[in-house]
Amino acid sequence: MSIQPEGEDLRKATRWISDKLQYESNVTLSKAIEQACVKFDLAPKDAEFMMRFFSEKDKG
């Protein structure tokens, strides 16, 4: 059982991915998302959300 509010891990992972992509030029989006899912224990639906989120962010 976690004491963090629901979705907090997803917010932390999104921030972590953004930082990783900004400061590490050799990391791809898919690899960063994969690493975040392991690090923050996220579900596959969260990975799909982050892939859409960052893809749309790049378009806009």
N, C-alpha and C. Protein backbone atom coordinates (compact mmCIF):
# COMPACT_ATOMS: atom_id res chain seq x y z
N MET A 1 0.84 -1.18 0.00
CA MET A 1 0.00 0.00 0.00
C MET A 1 0.89 1.25 0.00
N SER A 2 0.53 2.19 -0.85
CA SER A 2 1.32 3.42 -0.98
C SER A 2 0.60 4.57 -0.29
N ILE A 3 1.37 5.44 0.33
CA ILE A 3 0.77 6.61 0.96
C ILE A 3 0.71 7.81 0.02
N GLN A 4 1.28 7.64 -1.19
CA GLN A 4 1.25 8.72 -2.16
C GLN A 4 -0.12 8.76 -2.83
N PRO A 5 -0.59 9.94 -3.20
CA PRO A 5 -1.86 10.04 -3.91
C PRO A 5 -1.79 9.30 -5.24
N GLU A 6 -2.92 8.79 -5.68
CA GLU A 6 -2.97 8.09 -6.95
C GLU A 6 -2.53 9.03 -8.06
N GLY A 7 -1.67 8.57 -8.94
CA GLY A 7 -1.18 9.38 -10.04
C GLY A 7 0.13 10.10 -9.74
N GLU A 8 0.54 10.11 -8.48
CA GLU A 8 1.78 10.81 -8.12
C GLU A 8 2.99 10.16 -8.80
N ASP A 9 3.01 8.83 -8.87
CA ASP A 9 4.12 8.15 -9.54
C ASP A 9 4.17 8.51 -11.03
N LEU A 10 3.00 8.65 -11.64
CA LEU A 10 2.95 9.02 -13.05
C LEU A 10 3.49 10.44 -13.25
N ARG A 11 3.15 11.34 -12.36
CA ARG A 11 3.68 12.71 -12.46
C ARG A 11 5.20 12.73 -12.27
N LYS A 12 5.67 11.97 -11.31
CA LYS A 12 7.12 11.90 -11.09
C LYS A 12 7.83 11.29 -12.30
N ALA A 13 7.23 10.27 -12.86
CA ALA A 13 7.83 9.61 -14.03
C ALA A 13 7.88 10.55 -15.22
N THR A 14 6.82 11.31 -15.42
CA THR A 14 6.78 12.27 -16.54
C THR A 14 7.88 13.32 -16.39
N ARG A 15 8.04 13.81 -15.19
CA ARG A 15 9.11 14.80 -14.93
C ARG A 15 10.48 14.16 -15.14
N TRP A 16 10.64 12.92 -14.66
CA TRP A 16 11.91 12.20 -14.79
C TRP A 16 12.26 11.99 -16.26
N ILE A 17 11.27 11.60 -17.06
CA ILE A 17 11.49 11.39 -18.50
C ILE A 17 11.88 12.70 -19.17
N SER A 18 11.18 13.77 -18.85
CA SER A 18 11.51 15.07 -19.44
C SER A 18 12.95 15.46 -19.16
N ASP A 19 13.37 15.28 -17.92
CA ASP A 19 14.76 15.60 -17.56
C ASP A 19 15.74 14.71 -18.30
N LYS A 20 15.43 13.43 -18.37
CA LYS A 20 16.32 12.48 -19.03
C LYS A 20 16.48 12.83 -20.51
N LEU A 21 15.38 13.15 -21.17
CA LEU A 21 15.45 13.51 -22.59
C LEU A 21 16.18 14.82 -22.82
N GLN A 22 16.06 15.74 -21.88
CA GLN A 22 16.70 17.04 -22.02
C GLN A 22 18.21 16.95 -21.82
N TYR A 23 18.65 16.15 -20.85
CA TYR A 23 20.07 16.15 -20.47
C TYR A 23 20.88 14.98 -21.00
N GLU A 24 20.23 13.96 -21.52
CA GLU A 24 20.96 12.80 -22.05
C GLU A 24 20.59 12.61 -23.52
N SER A 25 21.45 13.06 -24.40
CA SER A 25 21.14 13.06 -25.83
C SER A 25 21.08 11.67 -26.44
N ASN A 26 21.66 10.67 -25.78
CA ASN A 26 21.69 9.33 -26.37
C ASN A 26 20.48 8.48 -25.98
N VAL A 27 19.52 9.04 -25.23
CA VAL A 27 18.36 8.28 -24.78
C VAL A 27 17.17 8.56 -25.69
N THR A 28 16.51 7.49 -26.15
CA THR A 28 15.31 7.65 -26.97
C THR A 28 14.09 7.73 -26.06
N LEU A 29 13.01 8.23 -26.61
CA LEU A 29 11.77 8.35 -25.84
C LEU A 29 11.30 6.98 -25.36
N SER A 30 11.30 6.00 -26.24
CA SER A 30 10.81 4.68 -25.84
C SER A 30 11.68 4.06 -24.75
N LYS A 31 12.98 4.27 -24.83
CA LYS A 31 13.88 3.73 -23.79
C LYS A 31 13.66 4.46 -22.47
N ALA A 32 13.48 5.76 -22.51
CA ALA A 32 13.24 6.53 -21.29
C ALA A 32 11.92 6.11 -20.64
N ILE A 33 10.90 5.87 -21.44
CA ILE A 33 9.61 5.42 -20.91
C ILE A 33 9.75 4.03 -20.30
N GLU A 34 10.46 3.16 -20.97
CA GLU A 34 10.69 1.81 -20.44
C GLU A 34 11.40 1.87 -19.09
N GLN A 35 12.43 2.68 -18.99
CA GLN A 35 13.16 2.82 -17.73
C GLN A 35 12.28 3.42 -16.64
N ALA A 36 11.46 4.40 -17.00
CA ALA A 36 10.57 5.03 -16.02
C ALA A 36 9.54 4.03 -15.50
N CYS A 37 9.04 3.17 -16.36
CA CYS A 37 8.05 2.17 -15.93
C CYS A 37 8.64 1.24 -14.89
N VAL A 38 9.88 0.87 -15.07
CA VAL A 38 10.55 0.00 -14.09
C VAL A 38 10.83 0.78 -12.81
N LYS A 39 11.38 1.97 -12.96
CA LYS A 39 11.77 2.78 -11.80
C LYS A 39 10.58 3.16 -10.92
N PHE A 40 9.46 3.51 -11.55
CA PHE A 40 8.29 3.99 -10.81
C PHE A 40 7.18 2.95 -10.71
N ASP A 41 7.44 1.72 -11.16
CA ASP A 41 6.49 0.61 -11.08
C ASP A 41 5.15 0.98 -11.70
N LEU A 42 5.20 1.38 -12.97
CA LEU A 42 4.00 1.83 -13.66
C LEU A 42 3.39 0.71 -14.50
N ALA A 43 2.12 0.82 -14.75
CA ALA A 43 1.37 -0.15 -15.56
C ALA A 43 1.58 0.14 -17.05
N PRO A 44 1.31 -0.86 -17.90
CA PRO A 44 1.42 -0.64 -19.34
C PRO A 44 0.55 0.51 -19.85
N LYS A 45 -0.63 0.70 -19.25
CA LYS A 45 -1.48 1.83 -19.68
C LYS A 45 -0.81 3.17 -19.40
N ASP A 46 0.01 3.23 -18.34
CA ASP A 46 0.74 4.46 -18.04
C ASP A 46 1.82 4.71 -19.10
N ALA A 47 2.45 3.64 -19.56
CA ALA A 47 3.46 3.76 -20.62
C ALA A 47 2.81 4.28 -21.90
N GLU A 48 1.63 3.77 -22.23
CA GLU A 48 0.91 4.23 -23.41
C GLU A 48 0.56 5.71 -23.28
N PHE A 49 0.10 6.11 -22.10
CA PHE A 49 -0.23 7.51 -21.86
C PHE A 49 0.99 8.40 -22.08
N MET A 50 2.14 8.00 -21.51
CA MET A 50 3.34 8.82 -21.64
C MET A 50 3.82 8.89 -23.08
N MET A 51 3.68 7.80 -23.82
CA MET A 51 4.08 7.82 -25.24
C MET A 51 3.22 8.83 -26.00
N ARG A 52 1.91 8.81 -25.76
CA ARG A 52 1.02 9.78 -26.41
C ARG A 52 1.32 11.20 -25.95
N PHE A 53 1.53 11.37 -24.65
CA PHE A 53 1.79 12.70 -24.08
C PHE A 53 3.02 13.33 -24.71
N PHE A 54 4.13 12.60 -24.75
CA PHE A 54 5.36 13.17 -25.29
C PHE A 54 5.32 13.30 -26.80
N SER A 55 4.59 12.43 -27.49
CA SER A 55 4.46 12.55 -28.94
C SER A 55 3.66 13.80 -29.31
N GLU A 56 2.58 14.04 -28.58
CA GLU A 56 1.76 15.23 -28.83
C GLU A 56 2.50 16.50 -28.43
N LYS A 57 3.30 16.41 -27.38
CA LYS A 57 4.09 17.56 -26.92
C LYS A 57 5.09 17.99 -28.00
N ASP A 58 5.68 17.01 -28.69
CA ASP A 58 6.64 17.31 -29.75
C ASP A 58 5.95 17.93 -30.96
N LYS A 59 4.71 17.55 -31.21
CA LYS A 59 3.97 18.11 -32.36
C LYS A 59 3.54 19.54 -32.12
N GLY A 60 3.18 19.83 -30.85
CA GLY A 60 2.62 21.16 -30.52
C GLY A 60 3.69 22.08 -30.15
